[in-house]
Every structure is written in structure tokens, then in C-alpha cells.
């Protein structure tokens, strides 16, 4: 599939220049149609009946799980459905048994969702060690290695920083964890659907995914990869219907993974749509998506960097999909509003739910940054329009 084909499948792109893939991506027609097919033709609950509609719904949901597992190279029973990346990370934070004296290693480049749940564990006597990035927002695996000790229970890191797009060496970091017998969690919110993720090669115990970002899936979907060898260390949090094999008045017996972790009725239509989104990405080709996005990232960085009075964050050699920037003396929210009003350019502005990262990069005093982020549906022409508009704004307000 070409970029023009994908744009045809996303009607809203006719009216705007959408540069906010890091927050959410618009959903292509085939994904929406797969969800509508559920609502129109077999809108029944899953695993809770013998009549043909529920049998079909159950089959379609299982089919979606299998598609997702194949896409990320995992076993289907290692895919636990969640409503987003945040829920997936919190499942680990509350599902693993942390005790007083344990410590967790993370970085100062994390989204709040991969920081706040760990900070909360400090109330239980768990130490949180923060490894600081360099001036380009990159974490040194050696610093992770040095910080780890016999009490380290978990190392958790984002694959790509949501604030500035810096790509972290997660392969090396997961290797550190594996060599030391420490659990490893990777937040793949900004890399999923943008670059190939082979979970068997990555060797992390947990990987948290969103459905509504790079995967081009519907909002309200996501999943946690929980490796087979880590499942017996995880306690299910949302117990109830569907999570058990047997219940008496005195006790209960949990079902196997992933069923035991998925209490209650799921977002059936959403996950069926997410499964179709995997098919859609396969038709495009993940290597084509990565090549296209890398090219646009380089062009966008250069276009913005060349503008007078603009500060761009991160290194062009190590950012992917995201360019964060500020124009002197212009509040990021004001600049984002101007871009929207003048050229219908949609970008994110503010702290991006990553205040420690924004402070580290020296952008807190500006009120955060303006963040432009791309996917396969974006074009070079759109990036050039962004650059020209920023030049005009800089001159006008300068």
C-alpha cells in the first residue's frame, strides 16, 4: 500500500494536517468496518453462551488475539487485553509482589504512566532508582547495570521517549536485566506500529502496548505482553466473571493466562478492530512504515531547526517519529493554536505527561514543548507546510 492509499482510508486527513500520531492516530476505514461488522451482525458477548452469535464473537476475538500475537512474535496466551498502555503498566506494578527493601530502576525520560505507578510503591518501602539520560535524552545501559543490585526487582524503560522521540537501547537494557535475573518491562507506546518489534528477540518479561497509536487501532484498546515464564509471578487484579475455572463457597480456581487476567466483558469490538489493524499494517509493510517515518523525521527536524529563534530537542541521529521544539517567547499552547487556526495543523503542546523529561531537556520554563509526530499517512508536503508556517510565525512574532 502507498501513502496515498492509506490517506484514502482516513477521511479526516482531507481537512487537516495531522501531526499527532504520538498521542493517537486516526483509524482507517477497514478497521472501523471490522468493528461495525461486529455491532451489525454478531453483537454478542464472548465465552458466555452456546448460540451461534456468541460462538462467532468468541471466534473473532480469538482470531484477533492470534493476529496480534503473530505480529509481535509471541504466543497468544502471552497477550493480555487492556484498555491502554497505562493499564498494562499498572497491571505489572500491582500484579508483581513487591516488598519493603526491593528497588525498581527506571529513567527520567519516562511518560508519567511508567513513573507514577512505581513512585507510589515507595509507600510500601520500595526504592525507585532514577537513571538520568544524557543531554540528548539517551539512557546509558551501563548506568542501568551500575544501578542494579541484589535488591533490584524490576528494570522498566520506554523504547522511544514520548516527549522528544529519543530511541533507547532497549535490547541492551533487557540484556542487562536478563543477565542479572531481574524482571524487565518495556513501554512500547511510541514504537509499536512504527518499527518492527520481535518480542522473542527483545527478551523482556513485560511489554506494554497501546492500540490507538502506531498500530492505527481504535481508542480504548491495548495489551500487555506477559512472557510465559513471568506469568506465575503475576497476580490478577480484576477478578470475576470469566477469570476462573471453578468456584465454591470457600475458594476458587483461576483459569490459565490470559483468561485469568481479563475479568469482565472486554471491549470486543475494539479488539476485533485492533486485530484488523494488524492486518492493515501487514498490507503496508512495517519496513515501509519505518523507512517512511525515518525520512519524514529527518526532514521535519531539519525544516524546524533551520528556523530562526527555534530550539529543537534531541539529536537528529537518534530520534524517531517525533520532533519537539519551541520558538522563543511563544508559549507552546499558543503556538499550537496558531498552527491549527492558520493551516489546520494538529500538533501536541505542553508537558506531554512527562514532566521530569521536559525538565531534563530544559523546556519546563517554556511551559513544555510543541511536539509534531508522524506516521505512514503523512507526506513530505505536509512537513514542508509545517516548516513554512513556523517560519512565518517566527518572523511575525519576532
Foldseek 3Di string as FASTA:
>chain_A
DALVVQCVQFVVVVPFQEFALLVFDAAGNVLVVLLVCLVVPQVDFEPPDDDDSNVVLNVLLLLLLVLVCVQQVHDSLQKAKFQFLLVQLLLVLPFFDDAAPAEEEEELLDFLSNPVSRVVCVVRNYHYHYQYAPLQREGDLVSVLVPDDPRYAEYEYEQARSAAQFGYPLQSNLVSCVVNVHAYEYEDAPPVLQAHHHCVSSNHQKYWYGLGHNLSFDRRITIMRGHPVCVVSTDADADDPQQFDDDDPVDTHGDRGPRNNDPDTGPSSRSSSSSVSSVVSVVVPSVNFNVQQLVLLLLLQVLQVPAPQKDWHHDNVGGTFKIWIDHPPDQFVNVQVQCCVPRNYHWDHAQSSSVSSCVSNVNVVSRGTTMGGDTSNHDNVSSNVVSVSVNVVNVVVD
